Amino acid sequence: MHAKDILIDGYDRIREEVHAAVEGMDPDDLNARPTAETNSVAWLVWHLTRVQDDHVADAFGLDQVWLSQDWEKRFGLDLPRRDTGYGHSAAKVAEVRVDSAGLLTGYHDAVHARTLQALRGLRAADLERVVDERWDPPVTLGVRLVSVLSDDLQHVGQAAYVRGLLASSGA
C-alpha cells in the first residue's frame, strides 16, 4: 500500500463520519449548542470542512471550493470570505448557522472530491515538498495532510459527541 492510498482511506473515513454525524438532524439540532461556550454540530462540520478546503487548496496550489463553487454564497454567513473558524469566540460560533444537513454534507462532499483528486496524483517524493516555511521545522506536504486528517477526525468526533448529548438530553 502506498502512502497516498493510506491518506485517501483516511480522508474517506472523515467523509463517512461527517455524514453519520449530521444526517437526519434538523436545523434546530444542527445549530444547538449544549452550553453557550460549546460548539454546535453545524459549526464543527463547517469548520473541519473549511480547514480541509483551505489547507489542501493552499498545499496543492488550487482554488478553494468554498469560493470557486459558490459555497460561500450558499451558506450566506456573515463572515470574512476566507474565514475557516480558526480562533472563533463563542459569539462567532453562534453566528455559524445552517439550514440543513444537506448543505453541510454537500460542501463536505465537494471538498472531499477535490481532496481525493489532489491525493490521487501524489508521488512519494511530493510528500517531502515544503508547503509552509513559517514553522520550525518547515511543514512538508505529508505533515500538512496528516495534520488536517487528524484535526478533521477530532472535530467530527466532537460533532458525533454533541449529537449524542443532544439526543440524550431530548433537546
Protein backbone atom coordinates (compact mmCIF):
# COMPACT_ATOMS: atom_id res chain seq x y z
CA MET A 1 0.00 0.00 0.00
CA HIS A 2 1.34 3.42 -0.94
CA ALA A 3 1.23 6.48 1.32
CA LYS A 4 -1.33 8.17 -0.94
CA ASP A 5 -3.63 5.15 -0.55
CA ILE A 6 -3.43 5.43 3.23
CA LEU A 7 -4.21 9.15 3.02
CA ILE A 8 -7.16 8.51 0.69
CA ASP A 9 -8.50 5.90 3.11
CA GLY A 10 -8.17 8.36 6.00
CA TYR A 11 -9.97 11.16 4.16
CA ASP A 12 -12.69 8.71 3.08
CA ARG A 13 -13.24 7.93 6.76
CA ILE A 14 -13.70 11.63 7.53
CA ARG A 15 -16.41 11.83 4.87
CA GLU A 16 -18.19 8.76 6.25
CA GLU A 17 -18.15 10.18 9.77
CA VAL A 18 -19.33 13.63 8.62
CA HIS A 19 -22.37 12.02 7.00
CA ALA A 20 -23.04 9.89 10.09
CA ALA A 21 -22.75 12.92 12.37
CA VAL A 22 -25.28 15.12 10.55
CA GLU A 23 -27.70 13.01 8.55
CA GLY A 24 -31.25 13.14 9.85
CA MET A 25 -30.62 16.19 12.03
CA ASP A 26 -32.96 19.13 11.66
CA PRO A 27 -31.70 22.73 11.65
CA ASP A 28 -32.53 23.27 15.32
CA ASP A 29 -30.41 20.30 16.37
CA LEU A 30 -27.60 21.09 13.94
CA ASN A 31 -27.30 24.60 15.36
CA ALA A 32 -27.92 23.71 19.02
CA ARG A 33 -25.07 24.19 21.47
CA PRO A 34 -25.08 22.19 24.72
CA THR A 35 -23.81 25.32 26.51
CA ALA A 36 -23.16 28.90 25.45
CA GLU A 37 -19.44 28.13 25.31
CA THR A 38 -19.54 24.95 23.23
CA ASN A 39 -19.63 24.31 19.51
CA SER A 40 -22.64 23.13 17.55
CA VAL A 41 -22.58 20.17 15.19
CA ALA A 42 -23.05 22.64 12.33
CA TRP A 43 -20.07 24.75 13.38
CA LEU A 44 -17.82 21.72 13.89
CA VAL A 45 -18.59 20.22 10.48
CA TRP A 46 -18.42 23.60 8.72
CA HIS A 47 -15.08 24.35 10.41
CA LEU A 48 -13.44 20.99 9.70
CA THR A 49 -14.51 21.26 6.08
CA ARG A 50 -13.32 24.85 5.77
CA VAL A 51 -9.91 23.90 7.20
CA GLN A 52 -9.58 20.94 4.83
CA ASP A 53 -10.62 23.12 1.89
CA ASP A 54 -8.24 25.92 2.84
CA HIS A 55 -5.21 23.79 3.66
CA VAL A 56 -5.48 21.31 0.79
CA ALA A 57 -6.08 24.11 -1.73
CA ASP A 58 -3.06 26.01 -0.41
CA ALA A 59 -0.80 22.95 -0.37
CA PHE A 60 -1.66 21.98 -3.94
CA GLY A 61 -1.99 25.48 -5.42
CA LEU A 62 -5.74 25.08 -6.04
CA ASP A 63 -8.71 27.38 -5.61
CA GLN A 64 -10.81 26.82 -2.52
CA VAL A 65 -14.07 25.03 -3.25
CA TRP A 66 -15.73 27.46 -0.81
CA LEU A 67 -15.07 30.33 -3.21
CA SER A 68 -14.81 28.67 -6.64
CA GLN A 69 -18.05 26.67 -6.34
CA ASP A 70 -20.11 29.38 -4.56
CA TRP A 71 -20.44 27.54 -1.25
CA GLU A 72 -19.74 30.82 0.50
CA LYS A 73 -22.91 32.24 -1.07
CA ARG A 74 -24.97 29.10 -0.39
CA PHE A 75 -24.12 29.25 3.31
CA GLY A 76 -24.73 33.01 3.46
CA LEU A 77 -22.68 33.50 6.62
CA ASP A 78 -21.76 37.00 7.73
CA LEU A 79 -18.05 36.18 7.97
CA PRO A 80 -14.95 37.18 6.03
CA ARG A 81 -14.73 35.25 2.73
CA ARG A 82 -11.73 33.15 3.76
CA ASP A 83 -12.75 32.56 7.38
CA THR A 84 -12.21 28.96 8.47
CA GLY A 85 -13.43 29.31 12.04
CA TYR A 86 -9.93 29.19 13.50
CA GLY A 87 -9.92 31.14 16.75
CA HIS A 88 -13.66 31.80 16.75
CA SER A 89 -15.06 33.09 20.01
CA ALA A 90 -18.30 31.67 21.39
CA ALA A 91 -20.13 34.62 19.83
CA LYS A 92 -18.65 33.86 16.39
CA VAL A 93 -19.51 30.17 16.74
CA ALA A 94 -23.12 31.23 17.35
CA GLU A 95 -23.12 33.11 14.01
CA VAL A 96 -22.45 29.92 12.04
CA ARG A 97 -25.94 28.57 11.44
CA VAL A 98 -27.09 26.26 8.67
CA ASP A 99 -30.47 25.41 7.23
CA SER A 100 -29.88 21.72 6.55
CA ALA A 101 -27.62 18.74 6.97
CA GLY A 102 -27.55 18.54 3.17
CA LEU A 103 -25.80 21.89 2.95
CA LEU A 104 -23.03 20.63 5.24
CA THR A 105 -22.64 17.28 3.51
CA GLY A 106 -22.85 18.88 0.07
CA TYR A 107 -19.98 21.22 0.84
CA HIS A 108 -18.00 18.48 2.54
CA ASP A 109 -18.50 16.13 -0.42
CA ALA A 110 -17.28 18.81 -2.83
CA VAL A 111 -14.16 19.39 -0.72
CA HIS A 112 -13.66 15.65 -0.36
CA ALA A 113 -13.80 15.18 -4.14
CA ARG A 114 -11.21 17.94 -4.63
CA THR A 115 -9.02 16.41 -1.91
CA LEU A 116 -9.14 12.95 -3.50
CA GLN A 117 -8.35 14.42 -6.90
CA ALA A 118 -5.22 16.02 -5.42
CA LEU A 119 -4.22 12.90 -3.48
CA ARG A 120 -4.59 10.56 -6.46
CA GLY A 121 -1.88 12.46 -8.31
CA LEU A 122 0.64 12.24 -5.45
CA ARG A 123 4.03 10.65 -5.82
CA ALA A 124 6.03 9.62 -2.75
CA ALA A 125 8.57 12.40 -3.32
CA ASP A 126 5.78 15.02 -3.30
CA LEU A 127 5.20 14.39 0.40
CA GLU A 128 8.62 15.89 1.18
CA ARG A 129 7.84 19.21 -0.54
CA VAL A 130 7.80 22.12 1.93
CA VAL A 131 4.42 23.85 1.90
CA ASP A 132 4.81 26.20 4.89
CA GLU A 133 8.07 27.79 5.97
CA ARG A 134 6.54 29.71 8.90
CA TRP A 135 7.27 26.77 11.22
CA ASP A 136 10.49 25.31 12.57
CA PRO A 137 10.96 22.82 11.10
CA PRO A 138 9.16 23.84 7.89
CA VAL A 139 5.97 21.90 7.20
CA THR A 140 6.06 19.35 4.38
CA LEU A 141 3.07 18.31 2.30
CA GLY A 142 2.99 14.96 4.09
CA VAL A 143 2.91 16.59 7.52
CA ARG A 144 0.22 19.06 6.42
CA LEU A 145 -2.02 16.32 5.04
CA VAL A 146 -1.72 14.23 8.20
CA SER A 147 -2.30 17.33 10.34
CA VAL A 148 -5.55 18.11 8.51
CA LEU A 149 -6.59 14.46 8.70
CA SER A 150 -6.01 14.41 12.46
CA ASP A 151 -7.77 17.74 13.05
CA ASP A 152 -10.78 16.71 10.96
CA LEU A 153 -11.16 13.36 12.71
CA GLN A 154 -11.06 15.08 16.10
CA HIS A 155 -13.72 17.60 15.07
CA VAL A 156 -16.03 15.04 13.51
CA GLY A 157 -15.71 13.00 16.71
CA GLN A 158 -16.70 16.11 18.65
CA ALA A 159 -19.69 16.57 16.33
CA ALA A 160 -20.80 12.99 16.97
CA TYR A 161 -20.42 13.55 20.71
CA VAL A 162 -22.50 16.75 20.61
CA ARG A 163 -25.14 14.91 18.58
CA GLY A 164 -25.23 12.24 21.28
CA LEU A 165 -25.53 14.83 24.03
CA LEU A 166 -28.44 16.47 22.26
CA ALA A 167 -30.19 13.14 21.73
CA SER A 168 -29.72 12.06 25.34
CA SER A 169 -31.00 15.36 26.72
CA GLY A 170 -34.04 15.35 24.45
CA ALA A 171 -33.01 18.74 23.03
